[in-house]
Amino acid sequence: MYDRDYGLESECGLHVYPYKGTVTYFSDLGAPTLIFVDGKGTEMAAEDIEGSLDSSYAMSFPQIGKHISFDGRCLHGAPVDMLPEPTDTPGKKAKVAMRVTFLVNIW
């Protein structure tokens, strides 16, 4: 996901991203946050946003009270495929609903 000013995008055709994206974790469970460092968005809305997901990335696993920040232009998300397997039930994924975060963008 890219966070951006969708009003400005529709009015002027420009992509304006937050200066910083932040995540604060309120649970120890759920998928990690992935930030694709080389996956910065484009400036013009008419340009395709594309790139390899094999690029450099940072990964942050949930931990109560942990706070991370990153360049707001970077592609980021918490893919369900990255959920850790519970130790008591090998082969099954943890429940997505257990991830609790507070997300704030700094513009």
PDB file of N, CA and C in Angstrom:
ATOM      1  N   MET A   1       0.830  -1.156   0.000  1.00  0.00           N
ATOM      2  CA  MET A   1       0.000   0.000   0.000  1.00  0.00           C
ATOM      3  C   MET A   1       0.892   1.243   0.000  1.00  0.00           C
ATOM      4  N   TYR A   2       0.458   2.218  -0.735  1.00  0.00           N
ATOM      5  CA  TYR A   2       1.087   3.538  -0.696  1.00  0.00           C
ATOM      6  C   TYR A   2       0.090   4.494  -0.052  1.00  0.00           C
ATOM      7  N   ASP A   3       0.530   5.249   0.919  1.00  0.00           N
ATOM      8  CA  ASP A   3      -0.300   6.308   1.474  1.00  0.00           C
ATOM      9  C   ASP A   3       0.020   7.571   0.691  1.00  0.00           C
ATOM     10  N   ARG A   4      -1.004   8.300   0.291  1.00  0.00           N
ATOM     11  CA  ARG A   4      -0.781   9.554  -0.419  1.00  0.00           C
ATOM     12  C   ARG A   4      -2.014  10.436  -0.319  1.00  0.00           C
ATOM     13  N   ASP A   5      -1.896  11.660  -0.737  1.00  0.00           N
ATOM     14  CA  ASP A   5      -2.982  12.634  -0.718  1.00  0.00           C
ATOM     15  C   ASP A   5      -3.858  12.375  -1.944  1.00  0.00           C
ATOM     16  N   TYR A   6      -4.956  11.647  -1.749  1.00  0.00           N
ATOM     17  CA  TYR A   6      -5.801  11.256  -2.869  1.00  0.00           C
ATOM     18  C   TYR A   6      -6.592  12.437  -3.434  1.00  0.00           C
ATOM     19  N   GLY A   7      -6.871  13.451  -2.618  1.00  0.00           N
ATOM     20  CA  GLY A   7      -7.541  14.655  -3.120  1.00  0.00           C
ATOM     21  C   GLY A   7      -6.671  15.382  -4.119  1.00  0.00           C
ATOM     22  N   LEU A   8      -5.405  15.596  -3.780  1.00  0.00           N
ATOM     23  CA  LEU A   8      -4.465  16.265  -4.679  1.00  0.00           C
ATOM     24  C   LEU A   8      -4.222  15.427  -5.929  1.00  0.00           C
ATOM     25  N   GLU A   9      -4.230  14.114  -5.759  1.00  0.00           N
ATOM     26  CA  GLU A   9      -4.050  13.232  -6.912  1.00  0.00           C
ATOM     27  C   GLU A   9      -5.189  13.419  -7.909  1.00  0.00           C
ATOM     28  N   SER A  10      -6.425  13.466  -7.430  1.00  0.00           N
ATOM     29  CA  SER A  10      -7.555  13.604  -8.360  1.00  0.00           C
ATOM     30  C   SER A  10      -7.649  15.011  -8.949  1.00  0.00           C
ATOM     31  N   GLU A  11      -7.249  16.030  -8.202  1.00  0.00           N
ATOM     32  CA  GLU A  11      -7.329  17.411  -8.688  1.00  0.00           C
ATOM     33  C   GLU A  11      -6.187  17.790  -9.622  1.00  0.00           C
ATOM     34  N   CYS A  12      -4.960  17.354  -9.282  1.00  0.00           N
ATOM     35  CA  CYS A  12      -3.769  17.826 -10.020  1.00  0.00           C
ATOM     36  C   CYS A  12      -2.977  16.730 -10.714  1.00  0.00           C
ATOM     37  N   GLY A  13      -3.334  15.470 -10.471  1.00  0.00           N
ATOM     38  CA  GLY A  13      -2.586  14.380 -11.085  1.00  0.00           C
ATOM     39  C   GLY A  13      -1.219  14.151 -10.463  1.00  0.00           C
ATOM     40  N   LEU A  14      -1.034  14.617  -9.219  1.00  0.00           N
ATOM     41  CA  LEU A  14       0.252  14.449  -8.530  1.00  0.00           C
ATOM     42  C   LEU A  14       0.124  13.467  -7.380  1.00  0.00           C
ATOM     43  N   HIS A  15       1.179  12.707  -7.156  1.00  0.00           N
ATOM     44  CA  HIS A  15       1.257  11.850  -5.978  1.00  0.00           C
ATOM     45  C   HIS A  15       2.061  12.576  -4.920  1.00  0.00           C
ATOM     46  N   VAL A  16       1.438  12.859  -3.793  1.00  0.00           N
ATOM     47  CA  VAL A  16       2.128  13.472  -2.664  1.00  0.00           C
ATOM     48  C   VAL A  16       2.039  12.486  -1.508  1.00  0.00           C
ATOM     49  N   TYR A  17       3.185  12.081  -0.999  1.00  0.00           N
ATOM     50  CA  TYR A  17       3.283  11.068   0.046  1.00  0.00           C
ATOM     51  C   TYR A  17       3.605  11.717   1.383  1.00  0.00           C
ATOM     52  N   PRO A  18       3.285  11.039   2.489  1.00  0.00           N
ATOM     53  CA  PRO A  18       3.675  11.588   3.785  1.00  0.00           C
ATOM     54  C   PRO A  18       5.193  11.614   3.921  1.00  0.00           C
ATOM     55  N   TYR A  19       5.683  12.513   4.755  1.00  0.00           N
ATOM     56  CA  TYR A  19       7.113  12.590   5.037  1.00  0.00           C
ATOM     57  C   TYR A  19       7.567  11.324   5.761  1.00  0.00           C
ATOM     58  N   LYS A  20       6.800  10.892   6.751  1.00  0.00           N
ATOM     59  CA  LYS A  20       7.091   9.673   7.507  1.00  0.00           C
ATOM     60  C   LYS A  20       5.817   8.880   7.708  1.00  0.00           C
ATOM     61  N   GLY A  21       5.944   7.560   7.675  1.00  0.00           N
ATOM     62  CA  GLY A  21       4.875   6.651   8.082  1.00  0.00           C
ATOM     63  C   GLY A  21       5.293   6.047   9.410  1.00  0.00           C
ATOM     64  N   THR A  22       4.339   5.822  10.301  1.00  0.00           N
ATOM     65  CA  THR A  22       4.672   5.224  11.590  1.00  0.00           C
ATOM     66  C   THR A  22       3.687   4.109  11.921  1.00  0.00           C
ATOM     67  N   VAL A  23       4.167   3.137  12.688  1.00  0.00           N
ATOM     68  CA  VAL A  23       3.338   2.044  13.197  1.00  0.00           C
ATOM     69  C   VAL A  23       3.698   1.851  14.665  1.00  0.00           C
ATOM     70  N   THR A  24       2.686   1.819  15.523  1.00  0.00           N
ATOM     71  CA  THR A  24       2.868   1.461  16.932  1.00  0.00           C
ATOM     72  C   THR A  24       2.052   0.195  17.167  1.00  0.00           C
ATOM     73  N   TYR A  25       2.681  -0.812  17.755  1.00  0.00           N
ATOM     74  CA  TYR A  25       2.031  -2.103  17.971  1.00  0.00           C
ATOM     75  C   TYR A  25       1.384  -2.164  19.346  1.00  0.00           C
ATOM     76  N   PHE A  26       0.123  -2.630  19.367  1.00  0.00           N
ATOM     77  CA  PHE A  26      -0.603  -2.838  20.619  1.00  0.00           C
ATOM     78  C   PHE A  26      -0.851  -4.319  20.870  1.00  0.00           C
ATOM     79  N   SER A  27      -0.213  -5.174  20.081  1.00  0.00           N
ATOM     80  CA  SER A  27      -0.292  -6.620  20.309  1.00  0.00           C
ATOM     81  C   SER A  27       1.015  -7.254  19.839  1.00  0.00           C
ATOM     82  N   ASP A  28       1.234  -8.472  20.289  1.00  0.00           N
ATOM     83  CA  ASP A  28       2.424  -9.234  19.890  1.00  0.00           C
ATOM     84  C   ASP A  28       2.110 -10.190  18.741  1.00  0.00           C
ATOM     85  N   LEU A  29       0.899 -10.164  18.247  1.00  0.00           N
ATOM     86  CA  LEU A  29       0.450 -11.156  17.275  1.00  0.00           C
ATOM     87  C   LEU A  29       0.181 -10.531  15.919  1.00  0.00           C
ATOM     88  N   GLY A  30       0.145 -11.371  14.911  1.00  0.00           N
ATOM     89  CA  GLY A  30      -0.199 -10.919  13.566  1.00  0.00           C
ATOM     90  C   GLY A  30       1.009 -10.853  12.652  1.00  0.00           C
ATOM     91  N   ALA A  31       0.731 -10.468  11.430  1.00  0.00           N
ATOM     92  CA  ALA A  31       1.760 -10.415  10.389  1.00  0.00           C
ATOM     93  C   ALA A  31       2.745  -9.278  10.665  1.00  0.00           C
ATOM     94  N   PRO A  32       3.994  -9.454  10.246  1.00  0.00           N
ATOM     95  CA  PRO A  32       4.963  -8.371  10.384  1.00  0.00           C
ATOM     96  C   PRO A  32       4.688  -7.257   9.376  1.00  0.00           C
ATOM     97  N   THR A  33       5.177  -6.080   9.672  1.00  0.00           N
ATOM     98  CA  THR A  33       5.110  -4.962   8.738  1.00  0.00           C
ATOM     99  C   THR A  33       6.304  -5.078   7.791  1.00  0.00           C
ATOM    100  N   LEU A  34       6.046  -5.035   6.504  1.00  0.00           N
ATOM    101  CA  LEU A  34       7.109  -5.044   5.498  1.00  0.00           C
ATOM    102  C   LEU A  34       7.180  -3.669   4.864  1.00  0.00           C
ATOM    103  N   ILE A  35       8.382  -3.141   4.744  1.00  0.00           N
ATOM    104  CA  ILE A  35       8.603  -1.849   4.098  1.00  0.00           C
ATOM    105  C   ILE A  35       9.613  -2.086   2.982  1.00  0.00           C
ATOM    106  N   PHE A  36       9.193  -1.838   1.747  1.00  0.00           N
ATOM    107  CA  PHE A  36      10.078  -2.032   0.601  1.00  0.00           C
ATOM    108  C   PHE A  36      10.851  -0.744   0.365  1.00  0.00           C
ATOM    109  N   VAL A  37      12.092  -0.728   0.801  1.00  0.00           N
ATOM    110  CA  VAL A  37      12.942   0.464   0.779  1.00  0.00           C
ATOM    111  C   VAL A  37      13.153   0.973  -0.645  1.00  0.00           C
ATOM    112  N   ASP A  38      13.253   0.067  -1.606  1.00  0.00           N
ATOM    113  CA  ASP A  38      13.455   0.472  -2.998  1.00  0.00           C
ATOM    114  C   ASP A  38      12.130   0.691  -3.727  1.00  0.00           C
ATOM    115  N   GLY A  39      11.006   0.541  -3.040  1.00  0.00           N
ATOM    116  CA  GLY A  39       9.698   0.631  -3.673  1.00  0.00           C
ATOM    117  C   GLY A  39       9.028   1.969  -3.467  1.00  0.00           C
ATOM    118  N   LYS A  40       9.728   3.042  -3.790  1.00  0.00           N
ATOM    119  CA  LYS A  40       9.154   4.380  -3.616  1.00  0.00           C
ATOM    120  C   LYS A  40       8.187   4.681  -4.759  1.00  0.00           C
ATOM    121  N   GLY A  41       7.123   5.399  -4.432  1.00  0.00           N
ATOM    122  CA  GLY A  41       6.098   5.728  -5.414  1.00  0.00           C
ATOM    123  C   GLY A  41       6.553   6.779  -6.407  1.00  0.00           C
ATOM    124  N   THR A  42       5.735   6.961  -7.433  1.00  0.00           N
ATOM    125  CA  THR A  42       6.020   7.926  -8.490  1.00  0.00           C
ATOM    126  C   THR A  42       5.458   9.296  -8.130  1.00  0.00           C
ATOM    127  N   GLU A  43       5.928  10.326  -8.822  1.00  0.00           N
ATOM    128  CA  GLU A  43       5.442  11.684  -8.571  1.00  0.00           C
ATOM    129  C   GLU A  43       4.171  11.977  -9.353  1.00  0.00           C
ATOM    130  N   MET A  44       4.097  11.517 -10.576  1.00  0.00           N
ATOM    131  CA  MET A  44       2.954  11.807 -11.437  1.00  0.00           C
ATOM    132  C   MET A  44       1.967  10.639 -11.417  1.00  0.00           C
ATOM    133  N   ALA A  45       0.681  10.937 -11.267  1.00  0.00           N
ATOM    134  CA  ALA A  45      -0.338   9.892 -11.211  1.00  0.00           C
ATOM    135  C   ALA A  45      -0.408   9.091 -12.507  1.00  0.00           C
ATOM    136  N   ALA A  46      -0.030   9.687 -13.634  1.00  0.00           N
ATOM    137  CA  ALA A  46      -0.083   8.988 -14.922  1.00  0.00           C
ATOM    138  C   ALA A  46       1.011   7.928 -15.055  1.00  0.00           C
ATOM    139  N   GLU A  47       2.051   7.998 -14.227  1.00  0.00           N
ATOM    140  CA  GLU A  47       3.145   7.028 -14.284  1.00  0.00           C
ATOM    141  C   GLU A  47       2.749   5.769 -13.529  1.00  0.00           C
ATOM    142  N   ASP A  48       3.109   4.615 -14.095  1.00  0.00           N
ATOM    143  CA  ASP A  48       2.862   3.351 -13.410  1.00  0.00           C
ATOM    144  C   ASP A  48       3.811   3.218 -12.224  1.00  0.00           C
ATOM    145  N   ILE A  49       3.275   2.700 -11.130  1.00  0.00           N
ATOM    146  CA  ILE A  49       4.113   2.364  -9.973  1.00  0.00           C
ATOM    147  C   ILE A  49       4.438   0.894 -10.131  1.00  0.00           C
ATOM    148  N   GLU A  50       5.695   0.612 -10.397  1.00  0.00           N
ATOM    149  CA  GLU A  50       6.088  -0.778 -10.602  1.00  0.00           C
ATOM    150  C   GLU A  50       7.480  -1.002 -10.059  1.00  0.00           C
ATOM    151  N   GLY A  51       7.788  -2.249  -9.851  1.00  0.00           N
ATOM    152  CA  GLY A  51       9.104  -2.609  -9.341  1.00  0.00           C
ATOM    153  C   GLY A  51       9.085  -4.036  -8.854  1.00  0.00           C
ATOM    154  N   SER A  52      10.239  -4.520  -8.508  1.00  0.00           N
ATOM    155  CA  SER A  52      10.391  -5.893  -8.059  1.00  0.00           C
ATOM    156  C   SER A  52      10.175  -5.990  -6.549  1.00  0.00           C
ATOM    157  N   LEU A  53       9.457  -6.998  -6.140  1.00  0.00           N
ATOM    158  CA  LEU A  53       9.304  -7.247  -4.703  1.00  0.00           C
ATOM    159  C   LEU A  53      10.523  -7.965  -4.142  1.00  0.00           C
ATOM    160  N   ASP A  54      11.508  -8.230  -4.988  1.00  0.00           N
ATOM    161  CA  ASP A  54      12.762  -8.831  -4.535  1.00  0.00           C
ATOM    162  C   ASP A  54      13.739  -7.759  -4.073  1.00  0.00           C
ATOM    163  N   SER A  55      13.308  -6.514  -4.048  1.00  0.00           N
ATOM    164  CA  SER A  55      14.190  -5.409  -3.686  1.00  0.00           C
ATOM    165  C   SER A  55      14.435  -5.404  -2.173  1.00  0.00           C
ATOM    166  N   SER A  56      15.252  -4.479  -1.738  1.00  0.00           N
ATOM    167  CA  SER A  56      15.568  -4.365  -0.316  1.00  0.00           C
ATOM    168  C   SER A  56      14.313  -4.051   0.487  1.00  0.00           C
ATOM    169  N   TYR A  57      14.203  -4.682   1.639  1.00  0.00           N
ATOM    170  CA  TYR A  57      13.051  -4.418   2.493  1.00  0.00           C
ATOM    171  C   TYR A  57      13.455  -4.508   3.962  1.00  0.00           C
ATOM    172  N   ALA A  58      12.618  -3.921   4.789  1.00  0.00           N
ATOM    173  CA  ALA A  58      12.764  -4.034   6.239  1.00  0.00           C
ATOM    174  C   ALA A  58      11.521  -4.761   6.742  1.00  0.00           C
ATOM    175  N   MET A  59      11.674  -5.551   7.790  1.00  0.00           N
ATOM    176  CA  MET A  59      10.564  -6.299   8.351  1.00  0.00           C
ATOM    177  C   MET A  59      10.523  -6.056   9.855  1.00  0.00           C
ATOM    178  N   SER A  60       9.333  -5.746  10.366  1.00  0.00           N
ATOM    179  CA  SER A  60       9.164  -5.496  11.794  1.00  0.00           C
ATOM    180  C   SER A  60       8.060  -6.403  12.325  1.00  0.00           C
ATOM    181  N   PHE A  61       8.411  -7.266  13.274  1.00  0.00           N
ATOM    182  CA  PHE A  61       7.421  -8.150  13.881  1.00  0.00           C
ATOM    183  C   PHE A  61       6.717  -7.428  15.028  1.00  0.00           C
ATOM    184  N   PRO A  62       5.411  -7.674  15.196  1.00  0.00           N
ATOM    185  CA  PRO A  62       4.669  -7.016  16.263  1.00  0.00           C
ATOM    186  C   PRO A  62       5.224  -7.331  17.650  1.00  0.00           C
ATOM    187  N   GLN A  63       5.287  -6.312  18.468  1.00  0.00           N
ATOM    188  CA  GLN A  63       5.677  -6.433  19.872  1.00  0.00           C
ATOM    189  C   GLN A  63       5.002  -5.268  20.599  1.00  0.00           C
ATOM    190  N   ILE A  64       4.274  -5.559  21.651  1.00  0.00           N
ATOM    191  CA  ILE A  64       3.525  -4.522  22.366  1.00  0.00           C
ATOM    192  C   ILE A  64       4.452  -3.359  22.721  1.00  0.00           C
ATOM    193  N   GLY A  65       4.027  -2.144  22.342  1.00  0.00           N
ATOM    194  CA  GLY A  65       4.771  -0.926  22.644  1.00  0.00           C
ATOM    195  C   GLY A  65       5.842  -0.564  21.629  1.00  0.00           C
ATOM    196  N   LYS A  66       6.140  -1.445  20.701  1.00  0.00           N
ATOM    197  CA  LYS A  66       7.162  -1.161  19.679  1.00  0.00           C
ATOM    198  C   LYS A  66       6.639  -0.099  18.719  1.00  0.00           C
ATOM    199  N   HIS A  67       7.517   0.820  18.356  1.00  0.00           N
ATOM    200  CA  HIS A  67       7.145   1.908  17.447  1.00  0.00           C
ATOM    201  C   HIS A  67       8.186   1.975  16.333  1.00  0.00           C
ATOM    202  N   ILE A  68       7.734   1.999  15.083  1.00  0.00           N
ATOM    203  CA  ILE A  68       8.653   2.120  13.946  1.00  0.00           C
ATOM    204  C   ILE A  68       8.232   3.312  13.097  1.00  0.00           C
ATOM    205  N   SER A  69       9.191   3.858  12.367  1.00  0.00           N
ATOM    206  CA  SER A  69       8.892   4.903  11.388  1.00  0.00           C
ATOM    207  C   SER A  69       9.704   4.617  10.131  1.00  0.00           C
ATOM    208  N   PHE A  70       9.218   5.122   8.999  1.00  0.00           N
ATOM    209  CA  PHE A  70       9.873   4.855   7.722  1.00  0.00           C
ATOM    210  C   PHE A  70       9.521   5.960   6.735  1.00  0.00           C
ATOM    211  N   ASP A  71      10.268   6.030   5.658  1.00  0.00           N
ATOM    212  CA  ASP A  71      10.028   6.984   4.579  1.00  0.00           C
ATOM    213  C   ASP A  71       8.614   6.764   4.047  1.00  0.00           C
ATOM    214  N   GLY A  72       7.779   7.790   4.100  1.00  0.00           N
ATOM    215  CA  GLY A  72       6.385   7.684   3.706  1.00  0.00           C
ATOM    216  C   GLY A  72       6.153   7.396   2.233  1.00  0.00           C
ATOM    217  N   ARG A  73       7.197   7.487   1.409  1.00  0.00           N
ATOM    218  CA  ARG A  73       7.067   7.185  -0.025  1.00  0.00           C
ATOM    219  C   ARG A  73       7.166   5.699  -0.322  1.00  0.00           C
ATOM    220  N   CYS A  74       7.536   4.888   0.664  1.00  0.00           N
ATOM    221  CA  CYS A  74       7.805   3.466   0.435  1.00  0.00           C
ATOM    222  C   CYS A  74       6.542   2.614   0.455  1.00  0.00           C
ATOM    223  N   LEU A  75       6.530   1.613  -0.416  1.00  0.00           N
ATOM    224  CA  LEU A  75       5.484   0.599  -0.418  1.00  0.00           C
ATOM    225  C   LEU A  75       5.580  -0.163   0.896  1.00  0.00           C
ATOM    226  N   HIS A  76       4.432  -0.396   1.550  1.00  0.00           N
ATOM    227  CA  HIS A  76       4.453  -1.092   2.832  1.00  0.00           C
ATOM    228  C   HIS A  76       3.142  -1.831   3.056  1.00  0.00           C
ATOM    229  N   GLY A  77       3.158  -2.768   3.989  1.00  0.00           N
ATOM    230  CA  GLY A  77       1.957  -3.522   4.315  1.00  0.00           C
ATOM    231  C   GLY A  77       2.261  -4.627   5.304  1.00  0.00           C
ATOM    232  N   ALA A  78       1.236  -5.399   5.624  1.00  0.00           N
ATOM    233  CA  ALA A  78       1.362  -6.527   6.546  1.00  0.00           C
ATOM    234  C   ALA A  78       0.709  -7.747   5.885  1.00  0.00           C
ATOM    235  N   PRO A  79       1.419  -8.385   4.947  1.00  0.00           N
ATOM    236  CA  PRO A  79       0.838  -9.489   4.181  1.00  0.00           C
ATOM    237  C   PRO A  79       0.519 -10.701   5.048  1.00  0.00           C
ATOM    238  N   VAL A  80      -0.692 -11.217   4.883  1.00  0.00           N
ATOM    239  CA  VAL A  80      -1.134 -12.381   5.643  1.00  0.00           C
ATOM    240  C   VAL A  80      -0.213 -13.579   5.409  1.00  0.00           C
ATOM    241  N   ASP A  81       0.379 -13.671   4.210  1.00  0.00           N
ATOM    242  CA  ASP A  81       1.288 -14.786   3.913  1.00  0.00           C
ATOM    243  C   ASP A  81       2.506 -14.801   4.834  1.00  0.00           C
ATOM    244  N   MET A  82       2.790 -13.678   5.478  1.00  0.00           N
ATOM    245  CA  MET A  82       3.957 -13.586   6.358  1.00  0.00           C
ATOM    246  C   MET A  82       3.625 -13.898   7.818  1.00  0.00           C
ATOM    247  N   LEU A  83       2.372 -14.297   8.093  1.00  0.00           N
ATOM    248  CA  LEU A  83       2.000 -14.637   9.464  1.00  0.00           C
ATOM    249  C   LEU A  83       2.856 -15.784   9.975  1.00  0.00           C
ATOM    250  N   PRO A  84       3.381 -15.662  11.189  1.00  0.00           N
ATOM    251  CA  PRO A  84       4.154 -16.775  11.749  1.00  0.00           C
ATOM    252  C   PRO A  84       3.231 -17.943  12.096  1.00  0.00           C
ATOM    253  N   GLU A  85       3.778 -19.141  12.069  1.00  0.00           N
ATOM    254  CA  GLU A  85       2.996 -20.315  12.455  1.00  0.00           C
ATOM    255  C   GLU A  85       2.971 -20.413  13.975  1.00  0.00           C
ATOM    256  N   PRO A  86       1.786 -20.685  14.556  1.00  0.00           N
ATOM    257  CA  PRO A  86       1.736 -20.857  16.009  1.00  0.00           C
ATOM    258  C   PRO A  86       2.529 -22.093  16.419  1.00  0.00           C
ATOM    259  N   THR A  87       3.194 -22.027  17.530  1.00  0.00           N
ATOM    260  CA  THR A  87       4.019 -23.163  17.985  1.00  0.00           C
ATOM    261  C   THR A  87       3.172 -24.342  18.425  1.00  0.00           C
ATOM    262  N   ASP A  88       1.916 -24.097  18.845  1.00  0.00           N
ATOM    263  CA  ASP A  88       1.066 -25.200  19.316  1.00  0.00           C
ATOM    264  C   ASP A  88       0.317 -25.902  18.185  1.00  0.00           C
ATOM    265  N   THR A  89       0.293 -25.311  16.974  1.00  0.00           N
ATOM    266  CA  THR A  89      -0.410 -25.909  15.842  1.00  0.00           C
ATOM    267  C   THR A  89       0.433 -25.775  14.573  1.00  0.00           C
ATOM    268  N   PRO A  90       1.482 -26.586  14.427  1.00  0.00           N
ATOM    269  CA  PRO A  90       2.325 -26.487  13.227  1.00  0.00           C
ATOM    270  C   PRO A  90       1.514 -26.649  11.939  1.00  0.00           C
ATOM    271  N   GLY A  91       1.873 -25.867  10.926  1.00  0.00           N
ATOM    272  CA  GLY A  91       1.209 -25.930   9.628  1.00  0.00           C
ATOM    273  C   GLY A  91       0.017 -25.000   9.495  1.00  0.00           C
ATOM    274  N   LYS A  92      -0.413 -24.353  10.576  1.00  0.00           N
ATOM    275  CA  LYS A  92      -1.535 -23.409  10.523  1.00  0.00           C
ATOM    276  C   LYS A  92      -1.012 -22.000  10.738  1.00  0.00           C
ATOM    277  N   LYS A  93      -1.685 -21.038  10.158  1.00  0.00           N
ATOM    278  CA  LYS A  93      -1.318 -19.633  10.304  1.00  0.00           C
ATOM    279  C   LYS A  93      -2.051 -19.036  11.507  1.00  0.00           C
ATOM    280  N   ALA A  94      -1.427 -18.032  12.112  1.00  0.00           N
ATOM    281  CA  ALA A  94      -2.066 -17.320  13.220  1.00  0.00           C
ATOM    282  C   ALA A  94      -3.254 -16.522  12.709  1.00  0.00           C
ATOM    283  N   LYS A  95      -4.152 -16.145  13.587  1.00  0.00           N
ATOM    284  CA  LYS A  95      -5.327 -15.363  13.195  1.00  0.00           C
ATOM    285  C   LYS A  95      -4.940 -13.921  12.917  1.00  0.00           C
ATOM    286  N   VAL A  96      -5.445 -13.386  11.804  1.00  0.00           N
ATOM    287  CA  VAL A  96      -5.153 -12.019  11.397  1.00  0.00           C
ATOM    288  C   VAL A  96      -5.746 -11.015  12.380  1.00  0.00           C
ATOM    289  N   ALA A  97      -6.915 -11.310  12.935  1.00  0.00           N
ATOM    290  CA  ALA A  97      -7.632 -10.366  13.790  1.00  0.00           C
ATOM    291  C   ALA A  97      -6.857 -10.004  15.057  1.00  0.00           C
ATOM    292  N   MET A  98      -5.812 -10.709  15.392  1.00  0.00           N
ATOM    293  CA  MET A  98      -5.078 -10.454  16.625  1.00  0.00           C
ATOM    294  C   MET A  98      -4.071  -9.312  16.483  1.00  0.00           C
ATOM    295  N   ARG A  99      -3.806  -8.850  15.287  1.00  0.00           N
ATOM    296  CA  ARG A  99      -2.859  -7.751  15.079  1.00  0.00           C
ATOM    297  C   ARG A  99      -3.558  -6.429  15.382  1.00  0.00           C
ATOM    298  N   VAL A 100      -3.021  -5.678  16.343  1.00  0.00           N
ATOM    299  CA  VAL A 100      -3.597  -4.386  16.712  1.00  0.00           C
ATOM    300  C   VAL A 100      -2.491  -3.343  16.619  1.00  0.00           C
ATOM    301  N   THR A 101      -2.688  -2.339  15.755  1.00  0.00           N
ATOM    302  CA  THR A 101      -1.685  -1.299  15.546  1.00  0.00           C
ATOM    303  C   THR A 101      -2.334   0.075  15.527  1.00  0.00           C
ATOM    304  N   PHE A 102      -1.510   1.096  15.713  1.00  0.00           N
ATOM    305  CA  PHE A 102      -1.929   2.488  15.579  1.00  0.00           C
ATOM    306  C   PHE A 102      -1.024   3.088  14.517  1.00  0.00           C
ATOM    307  N   LEU A 103      -1.607   3.544  13.411  1.00  0.00           N
ATOM    308  CA  LEU A 103      -0.843   4.038  12.272  1.00  0.00           C
ATOM    309  C   LEU A 103      -1.009   5.563  12.165  1.00  0.00           C
ATOM    310  N   VAL A 104       0.101   6.263  12.054  1.00  0.00           N
ATOM    311  CA  VAL A 104       0.063   7.719  11.913  1.00  0.00           C
ATOM    312  C   VAL A 104       1.044   8.121  10.826  1.00  0.00           C
ATOM    313  N   ASN A 105       0.576   8.938   9.893  1.00  0.00           N
ATOM    314  CA  ASN A 105       1.460   9.523   8.878  1.00  0.00           C
ATOM    315  C   ASN A 105       1.784  10.957   9.266  1.00  0.00           C
ATOM    316  N   ILE A 106       3.022  11.343   9.063  1.00  0.00           N
ATOM    317  CA  ILE A 106       3.458  12.711   9.322  1.00  0.00           C
ATOM    318  C   ILE A 106       3.616  13.385   7.967  1.00  0.00           C
ATOM    319  N   TRP A 107       2.823  14.434   7.747  1.00  0.00           N
ATOM    320  CA  TRP A 107       2.820  15.144   6.474  1.00  0.00           C
ATOM    321  C   TRP A 107       3.643  16.376   6.621  1.00  0.00           C
TER     322      TRP A 107
END
